[in-house]
Every structure is written in structure tokens, then in C-alpha cells.
């Protein structure tokens, strides 16, 4: 197989740059992930931990 051209490499790099980080790393969430505010989720997790104590 021949070496990819520089243009092809650059197009691939640009394609990866446009992907969400988890997809580019190969860890895509098949369910689509969450668009919720992580701060709210962190607060809820702390409250749940306090209730279990």
C-alpha cells in the first residue's frame, strides 16, 4: 500500500479535530452522553453521599 499524501493526512487531522474528544479517543457513548450541567450532577452526588452517611 502506498503512503498517504500530505493532503490526506491533513484532511484526517482536521476531521479528528472536529470530533468530540470522547469520539476521537475511541470512547464514544453510544447513548449520546449527557448535556446536563456537570456542576448540578456533582452537587447531587455530594448530597446523595451525605444522605447515606
Protein backbone atom coordinates (compact mmCIF):
# COMPACT_ATOMS: atom_id res chain seq x y z
CA UNK A 1 0.00 0.00 0.00
CA UNK A 2 1.35 3.43 -0.84
CA UNK A 3 1.94 6.19 1.69
CA UNK A 4 -0.96 8.63 2.19
CA UNK A 5 -0.35 12.05 0.75
CA UNK A 6 0.17 15.05 2.99
CA UNK A 7 -3.23 16.37 1.87
CA UNK A 8 -4.93 13.18 3.03
CA UNK A 9 -3.11 13.34 6.38
CA UNK A 10 -4.16 16.96 6.86
CA UNK A 11 -7.79 16.14 6.00
CA UNK A 12 -7.72 13.29 8.54
CA UNK A 13 -6.25 15.56 11.24
CA UNK A 14 -8.93 18.18 10.56
CA UNK A 15 -11.64 15.52 10.74
CA UNK A 16 -10.33 14.32 14.13
CA UNK A 17 -10.11 17.93 15.41
CA UNK A 18 -13.81 18.41 14.66
CA UNK A 19 -14.89 15.30 16.57
CA UNK A 20 -15.94 15.41 20.21
CA UNK A 21 -12.98 14.39 22.38
CA UNK A 22 -14.54 11.13 23.56
CA UNK A 23 -15.18 10.07 19.96
CA UNK A 24 -11.69 10.97 18.82
CA UNK A 25 -10.28 8.85 21.65
CA UNK A 26 -12.49 5.91 20.76
CA UNK A 27 -14.66 6.14 23.89
CA UNK A 28 -17.88 7.35 22.34
CA UNK A 29 -21.00 6.97 24.45
CA UNK A 30 -23.47 5.05 22.29
CA UNK A 31 -26.36 6.59 24.22
CA UNK A 32 -25.23 10.06 23.18
CA UNK A 33 -23.90 11.27 26.51
CA UNK A 34 -25.41 13.92 28.69
CA UNK A 35 -25.90 17.60 28.03
CA UNK A 36 -26.72 18.27 31.68
CA UNK A 37 -24.61 20.72 33.66
CA UNK A 38 -21.89 18.66 35.41
CA UNK A 39 -21.90 21.06 38.37
CA UNK A 40 -25.52 20.10 39.14
CA UNK A 41 -24.64 16.42 38.88
CA UNK A 42 -21.65 16.86 41.23
CA UNK A 43 -23.85 18.63 43.79
CA UNK A 44 -26.46 15.87 43.59
CA UNK A 45 -23.79 13.22 44.07
CA UNK A 46 -22.46 15.03 47.18
CA UNK A 47 -25.98 15.31 48.60
CA UNK A 48 -26.64 11.63 47.94
CA UNK A 49 -23.38 10.75 49.71
CA UNK A 50 -24.39 12.87 52.72
CA UNK A 51 -27.76 11.12 52.95
CA UNK A 52 -26.13 7.68 53.02
CA UNK A 53 -23.84 8.59 55.93
